[in-house]
Amino acid sequence: MPQTRGQEDFQLSDVEAHITGTVWKIECQVGQEVEEGDTLVILESMKMEMPVEAEDEGTVKEIRCEEGQSVSEGDTLVVLE
């Protein structure tokens, strides 16, 4: 009987915008391993740059934003696995 991994092995973590602003720069790539505290995206709001950091370690599964895109607080920017 093949072994299956438990759901906890495949948890996804959404990295959300903490402010409303514009995606200034994306600092990660799909498949990249990241550590807690790594900068994933830089947002610009009111002429200030605000880094969005990984809250956990993991692998970038999906990037849901593009440079120059306007985002709202709470929008998912990156999904980690």
PDB file of N, CA and C in Angstrom:
ATOM      1  N   MET A   1       0.843  -1.179   0.000  1.00  0.00           N
ATOM      2  CA  MET A   1       0.000   0.000   0.000  1.00  0.00           C
ATOM      3  C   MET A   1       0.891   1.247   0.000  1.00  0.00           C
ATOM      4  N   PRO A   2       0.688   2.137  -0.973  1.00  0.00           N
ATOM      5  CA  PRO A   2       1.550   3.327  -1.027  1.00  0.00           C
ATOM      6  C   PRO A   2       1.286   4.253   0.152  1.00  0.00           C
ATOM      7  N   GLN A   3       2.365   4.879   0.602  1.00  0.00           N
ATOM      8  CA  GLN A   3       2.209   5.838   1.692  1.00  0.00           C
ATOM      9  C   GLN A   3       1.740   7.176   1.135  1.00  0.00           C
ATOM     10  N   THR A   4       0.890   7.821   1.876  1.00  0.00           N
ATOM     11  CA  THR A   4       0.439   9.155   1.494  1.00  0.00           C
ATOM     12  C   THR A   4       0.866  10.127   2.576  1.00  0.00           C
ATOM     13  N   ARG A   5       1.117  11.313   2.188  1.00  0.00           N
ATOM     14  CA  ARG A   5       1.489  12.340   3.150  1.00  0.00           C
ATOM     15  C   ARG A   5       0.231  12.927   3.761  1.00  0.00           C
ATOM     16  N   GLY A   6       0.346  13.293   5.007  1.00  0.00           N
ATOM     17  CA  GLY A   6      -0.768  13.944   5.671  1.00  0.00           C
ATOM     18  C   GLY A   6      -0.969  15.353   5.166  1.00  0.00           C
ATOM     19  N   GLN A   7      -2.134  15.885   5.392  1.00  0.00           N
ATOM     20  CA  GLN A   7      -2.456  17.229   4.920  1.00  0.00           C
ATOM     21  C   GLN A   7      -1.474  18.257   5.463  1.00  0.00           C
ATOM     22  N   GLU A   8      -0.945  18.049   6.674  1.00  0.00           N
ATOM     23  CA  GLU A   8      -0.030  19.009   7.263  1.00  0.00           C
ATOM     24  C   GLU A   8       1.261  19.153   6.449  1.00  0.00           C
ATOM     25  N   ASP A   9       1.625  18.152   5.658  1.00  0.00           N
ATOM     26  CA  ASP A   9       2.817  18.226   4.830  1.00  0.00           C
ATOM     27  C   ASP A   9       2.630  19.137   3.625  1.00  0.00           C
ATOM     28  N   PHE A  10       1.403  19.460   3.283  1.00  0.00           N
ATOM     29  CA  PHE A  10       1.130  20.243   2.083  1.00  0.00           C
ATOM     30  C   PHE A  10       0.375  21.526   2.393  1.00  0.00           C
ATOM     31  N   GLN A  11       0.555  22.068   3.573  1.00  0.00           N
ATOM     32  CA  GLN A  11      -0.152  23.289   3.925  1.00  0.00           C
ATOM     33  C   GLN A  11       0.339  24.437   3.062  1.00  0.00           C
ATOM     34  N   LEU A  12      -0.605  25.246   2.630  1.00  0.00           N
ATOM     35  CA  LEU A  12      -0.275  26.436   1.858  1.00  0.00           C
ATOM     36  C   LEU A  12      -0.384  27.647   2.774  1.00  0.00           C
ATOM     37  N   SER A  13       0.429  28.619   2.527  1.00  0.00           N
ATOM     38  CA  SER A  13       0.425  29.840   3.323  1.00  0.00           C
ATOM     39  C   SER A  13       0.338  31.034   2.376  1.00  0.00           C
ATOM     40  N   ASP A  14      -0.708  31.838   2.527  1.00  0.00           N
ATOM     41  CA  ASP A  14      -0.866  33.033   1.705  1.00  0.00           C
ATOM     42  C   ASP A  14      -0.077  34.188   2.321  1.00  0.00           C
ATOM     43  N   VAL A  15       0.691  34.862   1.495  1.00  0.00           N
ATOM     44  CA  VAL A  15       1.390  36.070   1.915  1.00  0.00           C
ATOM     45  C   VAL A  15       0.578  37.234   1.363  1.00  0.00           C
ATOM     46  N   GLU A  16       0.036  38.052   2.266  1.00  0.00           N
ATOM     47  CA  GLU A  16      -0.912  39.100   1.882  1.00  0.00           C
ATOM     48  C   GLU A  16      -0.292  40.487   1.978  1.00  0.00           C
ATOM     49  N   ALA A  17      -0.874  41.408   1.220  1.00  0.00           N
ATOM     50  CA  ALA A  17      -0.489  42.821   1.296  1.00  0.00           C
ATOM     51  C   ALA A  17      -0.960  43.383   2.640  1.00  0.00           C
ATOM     52  N   HIS A  18      -0.084  44.075   3.332  1.00  0.00           N
ATOM     53  CA  HIS A  18      -0.436  44.692   4.607  1.00  0.00           C
ATOM     54  C   HIS A  18      -0.912  46.125   4.441  1.00  0.00           C
ATOM     55  N   ILE A  19      -0.752  46.640   3.222  1.00  0.00           N
ATOM     56  CA  ILE A  19      -1.187  48.005   2.919  1.00  0.00           C
ATOM     57  C   ILE A  19      -1.764  48.028   1.504  1.00  0.00           C
ATOM     58  N   THR A  20      -2.512  49.075   1.198  1.00  0.00           N
ATOM     59  CA  THR A  20      -2.953  49.320  -0.170  1.00  0.00           C
ATOM     60  C   THR A  20      -1.838  50.081  -0.871  1.00  0.00           C
ATOM     61  N   GLY A  21      -1.472  49.631  -2.061  1.00  0.00           N
ATOM     62  CA  GLY A  21      -0.393  50.288  -2.777  1.00  0.00           C
ATOM     63  C   GLY A  21      -0.177  49.663  -4.141  1.00  0.00           C
ATOM     64  N   THR A  22       1.021  49.857  -4.662  1.00  0.00           N
ATOM     65  CA  THR A  22       1.407  49.343  -5.973  1.00  0.00           C
ATOM     66  C   THR A  22       2.570  48.376  -5.798  1.00  0.00           C
ATOM     67  N   VAL A  23       2.525  47.256  -6.525  1.00  0.00           N
ATOM     68  CA  VAL A  23       3.642  46.313  -6.495  1.00  0.00           C
ATOM     69  C   VAL A  23       4.804  46.972  -7.225  1.00  0.00           C
ATOM     70  N   TRP A  24       5.843  47.296  -6.485  1.00  0.00           N
ATOM     71  CA  TRP A  24       6.999  47.977  -7.059  1.00  0.00           C
ATOM     72  C   TRP A  24       7.985  46.963  -7.626  1.00  0.00           C
ATOM     73  N   LYS A  25       8.235  45.870  -6.858  1.00  0.00           N
ATOM     74  CA  LYS A  25       9.195  44.865  -7.310  1.00  0.00           C
ATOM     75  C   LYS A  25       8.861  43.511  -6.695  1.00  0.00           C
ATOM     76  N   ILE A  26       8.989  42.456  -7.506  1.00  0.00           N
ATOM     77  CA  ILE A  26       8.818  41.091  -7.019  1.00  0.00           C
ATOM     78  C   ILE A  26      10.210  40.510  -6.807  1.00  0.00           C
ATOM     79  N   GLU A  27      10.476  40.050  -5.597  1.00  0.00           N
ATOM     80  CA  GLU A  27      11.809  39.599  -5.206  1.00  0.00           C
ATOM     81  C   GLU A  27      11.925  38.078  -5.118  1.00  0.00           C
ATOM     82  N   CYS A  28      10.950  37.325  -5.654  1.00  0.00           N
ATOM     83  CA  CYS A  28      10.986  35.873  -5.567  1.00  0.00           C
ATOM     84  C   CYS A  28      10.538  35.268  -6.894  1.00  0.00           C
ATOM     85  N   GLN A  29      10.755  33.960  -7.025  1.00  0.00           N
ATOM     86  CA  GLN A  29      10.361  33.231  -8.219  1.00  0.00           C
ATOM     87  C   GLN A  29       9.648  31.954  -7.803  1.00  0.00           C
ATOM     88  N   VAL A  30       8.750  31.449  -8.646  1.00  0.00           N
ATOM     89  CA  VAL A  30       8.087  30.183  -8.377  1.00  0.00           C
ATOM     90  C   VAL A  30       9.154  29.093  -8.257  1.00  0.00           C
ATOM     91  N   GLY A  31       9.022  28.274  -7.230  1.00  0.00           N
ATOM     92  CA  GLY A  31       9.971  27.193  -6.980  1.00  0.00           C
ATOM     93  C   GLY A  31      11.096  27.563  -6.035  1.00  0.00           C
ATOM     94  N   GLN A  32      11.223  28.842  -5.719  1.00  0.00           N
ATOM     95  CA  GLN A  32      12.294  29.314  -4.839  1.00  0.00           C
ATOM     96  C   GLN A  32      12.009  28.928  -3.393  1.00  0.00           C
ATOM     97  N   GLU A  33      13.032  28.445  -2.697  1.00  0.00           N
ATOM     98  CA  GLU A  33      12.937  28.168  -1.263  1.00  0.00           C
ATOM     99  C   GLU A  33      13.169  29.483  -0.518  1.00  0.00           C
ATOM    100  N   VAL A  34      12.299  29.791   0.437  1.00  0.00           N
ATOM    101  CA  VAL A  34      12.450  31.032   1.201  1.00  0.00           C
ATOM    102  C   VAL A  34      12.447  30.723   2.691  1.00  0.00           C
ATOM    103  N   GLU A  35      13.062  31.595   3.435  1.00  0.00           N
ATOM    104  CA  GLU A  35      13.124  31.503   4.890  1.00  0.00           C
ATOM    105  C   GLU A  35      12.247  32.584   5.500  1.00  0.00           C
ATOM    106  N   GLU A  36      11.850  32.386   6.731  1.00  0.00           N
ATOM    107  CA  GLU A  36      11.091  33.404   7.455  1.00  0.00           C
ATOM    108  C   GLU A  36      11.886  34.707   7.435  1.00  0.00           C
ATOM    109  N   GLY A  37      11.224  35.805   7.060  1.00  0.00           N
ATOM    110  CA  GLY A  37      11.865  37.114   7.027  1.00  0.00           C
ATOM    111  C   GLY A  37      12.404  37.528   5.669  1.00  0.00           C
ATOM    112  N   ASP A  38      12.462  36.578   4.710  1.00  0.00           N
ATOM    113  CA  ASP A  38      12.913  36.935   3.359  1.00  0.00           C
ATOM    114  C   ASP A  38      11.910  37.880   2.707  1.00  0.00           C
ATOM    115  N   THR A  39      12.404  38.900   2.018  1.00  0.00           N
ATOM    116  CA  THR A  39      11.536  39.819   1.294  1.00  0.00           C
ATOM    117  C   THR A  39      11.054  39.144   0.014  1.00  0.00           C
ATOM    118  N   LEU A  40       9.726  39.094  -0.174  1.00  0.00           N
ATOM    119  CA  LEU A  40       9.127  38.468  -1.346  1.00  0.00           C
ATOM    120  C   LEU A  40       8.669  39.503  -2.363  1.00  0.00           C
ATOM    121  N   VAL A  41       8.085  40.584  -1.871  1.00  0.00           N
ATOM    122  CA  VAL A  41       7.523  41.632  -2.727  1.00  0.00           C
ATOM    123  C   VAL A  41       7.797  42.970  -2.049  1.00  0.00           C
ATOM    124  N   ILE A  42       8.013  44.003  -2.853  1.00  0.00           N
ATOM    125  CA  ILE A  42       8.129  45.361  -2.310  1.00  0.00           C
ATOM    126  C   ILE A  42       6.950  46.158  -2.842  1.00  0.00           C
ATOM    127  N   LEU A  43       6.178  46.720  -1.917  1.00  0.00           N
ATOM    128  CA  LEU A  43       5.045  47.569  -2.286  1.00  0.00           C
ATOM    129  C   LEU A  43       5.445  49.029  -2.143  1.00  0.00           C
ATOM    130  N   GLU A  44       4.831  49.872  -2.944  1.00  0.00           N
ATOM    131  CA  GLU A  44       5.043  51.313  -2.853  1.00  0.00           C
ATOM    132  C   GLU A  44       3.715  51.951  -2.516  1.00  0.00           C
ATOM    133  N   SER A  45       3.726  52.783  -1.498  1.00  0.00           N
ATOM    134  CA  SER A  45       2.529  53.507  -1.105  1.00  0.00           C
ATOM    135  C   SER A  45       2.949  54.875  -0.590  1.00  0.00           C
ATOM    136  N   MET A  46       2.369  55.899  -1.142  1.00  0.00           N
ATOM    137  CA  MET A  46       2.658  57.265  -0.731  1.00  0.00           C
ATOM    138  C   MET A  46       4.165  57.550  -0.788  1.00  0.00           C
ATOM    139  N   LYS A  47       4.811  57.085  -1.861  1.00  0.00           N
ATOM    140  CA  LYS A  47       6.227  57.298  -2.136  1.00  0.00           C
ATOM    141  C   LYS A  47       7.151  56.620  -1.115  1.00  0.00           C
ATOM    142  N   MET A  48       6.611  55.627  -0.392  1.00  0.00           N
ATOM    143  CA  MET A  48       7.425  54.850   0.551  1.00  0.00           C
ATOM    144  C   MET A  48       7.429  53.392   0.108  1.00  0.00           C
ATOM    145  N   GLU A  49       8.586  52.750   0.188  1.00  0.00           N
ATOM    146  CA  GLU A  49       8.700  51.330  -0.132  1.00  0.00           C
ATOM    147  C   GLU A  49       8.461  50.511   1.130  1.00  0.00           C
ATOM    148  N   MET A  50       7.606  49.493   1.009  1.00  0.00           N
ATOM    149  CA  MET A  50       7.259  48.637   2.143  1.00  0.00           C
ATOM    150  C   MET A  50       7.512  47.182   1.752  1.00  0.00           C
ATOM    151  N   PRO A  51       8.508  46.517   2.360  1.00  0.00           N
ATOM    152  CA  PRO A  51       8.757  45.121   2.023  1.00  0.00           C
ATOM    153  C   PRO A  51       7.668  44.217   2.600  1.00  0.00           C
ATOM    154  N   VAL A  52       7.301  43.186   1.840  1.00  0.00           N
ATOM    155  CA  VAL A  52       6.388  42.144   2.312  1.00  0.00           C
ATOM    156  C   VAL A  52       7.251  40.905   2.467  1.00  0.00           C
ATOM    157  N   GLU A  53       7.339  40.408   3.700  1.00  0.00           N
ATOM    158  CA  GLU A  53       8.266  39.326   4.011  1.00  0.00           C
ATOM    159  C   GLU A  53       7.529  38.007   4.253  1.00  0.00           C
ATOM    160  N   ALA A  54       8.259  36.913   4.049  1.00  0.00           N
ATOM    161  CA  ALA A  54       7.720  35.590   4.351  1.00  0.00           C
ATOM    162  C   ALA A  54       7.568  35.464   5.863  1.00  0.00           C
ATOM    163  N   GLU A  55       6.417  34.972   6.297  1.00  0.00           N
ATOM    164  CA  GLU A  55       6.187  34.777   7.726  1.00  0.00           C
ATOM    165  C   GLU A  55       6.591  33.370   8.163  1.00  0.00           C
ATOM    166  N   ASP A  56       6.821  32.484   7.194  1.00  0.00           N
ATOM    167  CA  ASP A  56       7.246  31.116   7.441  1.00  0.00           C
ATOM    168  C   ASP A  56       8.246  30.727   6.365  1.00  0.00           C
ATOM    169  N   GLU A  57       8.965  29.632   6.587  1.00  0.00           N
ATOM    170  CA  GLU A  57       9.815  29.096   5.526  1.00  0.00           C
ATOM    171  C   GLU A  57       8.950  28.258   4.602  1.00  0.00           C
ATOM    172  N   GLY A  58       9.381  28.092   3.376  1.00  0.00           N
ATOM    173  CA  GLY A  58       8.638  27.278   2.430  1.00  0.00           C
ATOM    174  C   GLY A  58       9.150  27.469   1.021  1.00  0.00           C
ATOM    175  N   THR A  59       8.354  26.990   0.082  1.00  0.00           N
ATOM    176  CA  THR A  59       8.669  27.100  -1.336  1.00  0.00           C
ATOM    177  C   THR A  59       7.599  27.950  -2.004  1.00  0.00           C
ATOM    178  N   VAL A  60       8.010  28.881  -2.853  1.00  0.00           N
ATOM    179  CA  VAL A  60       7.054  29.727  -3.565  1.00  0.00           C
ATOM    180  C   VAL A  60       6.289  28.847  -4.556  1.00  0.00           C
ATOM    181  N   LYS A  61       4.995  28.698  -4.330  1.00  0.00           N
ATOM    182  CA  LYS A  61       4.152  27.882  -5.200  1.00  0.00           C
ATOM    183  C   LYS A  61       3.527  28.719  -6.305  1.00  0.00           C
ATOM    184  N   GLU A  62       3.143  29.959  -5.962  1.00  0.00           N
ATOM    185  CA  GLU A  62       2.424  30.801  -6.921  1.00  0.00           C
ATOM    186  C   GLU A  62       2.670  32.263  -6.589  1.00  0.00           C
ATOM    187  N   ILE A  63       2.812  33.086  -7.624  1.00  0.00           N
ATOM    188  CA  ILE A  63       2.896  34.538  -7.463  1.00  0.00           C
ATOM    189  C   ILE A  63       1.626  35.109  -8.079  1.00  0.00           C
ATOM    190  N   ARG A  64       0.843  35.818  -7.274  1.00  0.00           N
ATOM    191  CA  ARG A  64      -0.459  36.297  -7.723  1.00  0.00           C
ATOM    192  C   ARG A  64      -0.493  37.799  -7.960  1.00  0.00           C
ATOM    193  N   CYS A  65       0.657  38.389  -8.251  1.00  0.00           N
ATOM    194  CA  CYS A  65       0.699  39.818  -8.536  1.00  0.00           C
ATOM    195  C   CYS A  65       1.737  40.061  -9.623  1.00  0.00           C
ATOM    196  N   GLU A  66       1.694  41.261 -10.176  1.00  0.00           N
ATOM    197  CA  GLU A  66       2.650  41.673 -11.198  1.00  0.00           C
ATOM    198  C   GLU A  66       3.197  43.045 -10.823  1.00  0.00           C
ATOM    199  N   GLU A  67       4.422  43.320 -11.243  1.00  0.00           N
ATOM    200  CA  GLU A  67       4.992  44.640 -10.992  1.00  0.00           C
ATOM    201  C   GLU A  67       4.129  45.698 -11.662  1.00  0.00           C
ATOM    202  N   GLY A  68       3.837  46.775 -10.926  1.00  0.00           N
ATOM    203  CA  GLY A  68       3.000  47.857 -11.432  1.00  0.00           C
ATOM    204  C   GLY A  68       1.530  47.697 -11.099  1.00  0.00           C
ATOM    205  N   GLN A  69       1.147  46.542 -10.588  1.00  0.00           N
ATOM    206  CA  GLN A  69      -0.261  46.266 -10.254  1.00  0.00           C
ATOM    207  C   GLN A  69      -0.651  46.952  -8.949  1.00  0.00           C
ATOM    208  N   SER A  70      -1.850  47.507  -8.915  1.00  0.00           N
ATOM    209  CA  SER A  70      -2.397  48.056  -7.677  1.00  0.00           C
ATOM    210  C   SER A  70      -3.003  46.927  -6.859  1.00  0.00           C
ATOM    211  N   VAL A  71      -2.711  46.923  -5.547  1.00  0.00           N
ATOM    212  CA  VAL A  71      -3.253  45.903  -4.649  1.00  0.00           C
ATOM    213  C   VAL A  71      -3.880  46.575  -3.439  1.00  0.00           C
ATOM    214  N   SER A  72      -4.803  45.868  -2.827  1.00  0.00           N
ATOM    215  CA  SER A  72      -5.464  46.351  -1.623  1.00  0.00           C
ATOM    216  C   SER A  72      -4.978  45.557  -0.418  1.00  0.00           C
ATOM    217  N   GLU A  73      -5.091  46.142   0.739  1.00  0.00           N
ATOM    218  CA  GLU A  73      -4.737  45.444   1.969  1.00  0.00           C
ATOM    219  C   GLU A  73      -5.510  44.127   2.034  1.00  0.00           C
ATOM    220  N   GLY A  74      -4.805  43.037   2.305  1.00  0.00           N
ATOM    221  CA  GLY A  74      -5.437  41.728   2.401  1.00  0.00           C
ATOM    222  C   GLY A  74      -5.379  40.902   1.120  1.00  0.00           C
ATOM    223  N   ASP A  75      -5.009  41.516  -0.009  1.00  0.00           N
ATOM    224  CA  ASP A  75      -4.873  40.756  -1.260  1.00  0.00           C
ATOM    225  C   ASP A  75      -3.716  39.762  -1.129  1.00  0.00           C
ATOM    226  N   THR A  76      -3.914  38.552  -1.650  1.00  0.00           N
ATOM    227  CA  THR A  76      -2.841  37.554  -1.655  1.00  0.00           C
ATOM    228  C   THR A  76      -1.843  37.894  -2.752  1.00  0.00           C
ATOM    229  N   LEU A  77      -0.572  38.004  -2.382  1.00  0.00           N
ATOM    230  CA  LEU A  77       0.490  38.334  -3.326  1.00  0.00           C
ATOM    231  C   LEU A  77       1.278  37.086  -3.731  1.00  0.00           C
ATOM    232  N   VAL A  78       1.566  36.224  -2.759  1.00  0.00           N
ATOM    233  CA  VAL A  78       2.381  35.036  -2.989  1.00  0.00           C
ATOM    234  C   VAL A  78       1.785  33.894  -2.174  1.00  0.00           C
ATOM    235  N   VAL A  79       1.846  32.674  -2.728  1.00  0.00           N
ATOM    236  CA  VAL A  79       1.420  31.485  -2.004  1.00  0.00           C
ATOM    237  C   VAL A  79       2.648  30.615  -1.770  1.00  0.00           C
ATOM    238  N   LEU A  80       2.868  30.247  -0.505  1.00  0.00           N
ATOM    239  CA  LEU A  80       3.982  29.373  -0.135  1.00  0.00           C
ATOM    240  C   LEU A  80       3.461  27.975   0.189  1.00  0.00           C
ATOM    241  N   GLU A  81       4.291  26.992  -0.103  1.00  0.00           N
ATOM    242  CA  GLU A  81       3.937  25.605   0.212  1.00  0.00           C
ATOM    243  C   GLU A  81       4.971  25.060   1.177  1.00  0.00           C
TER     244      GLU A  81
END
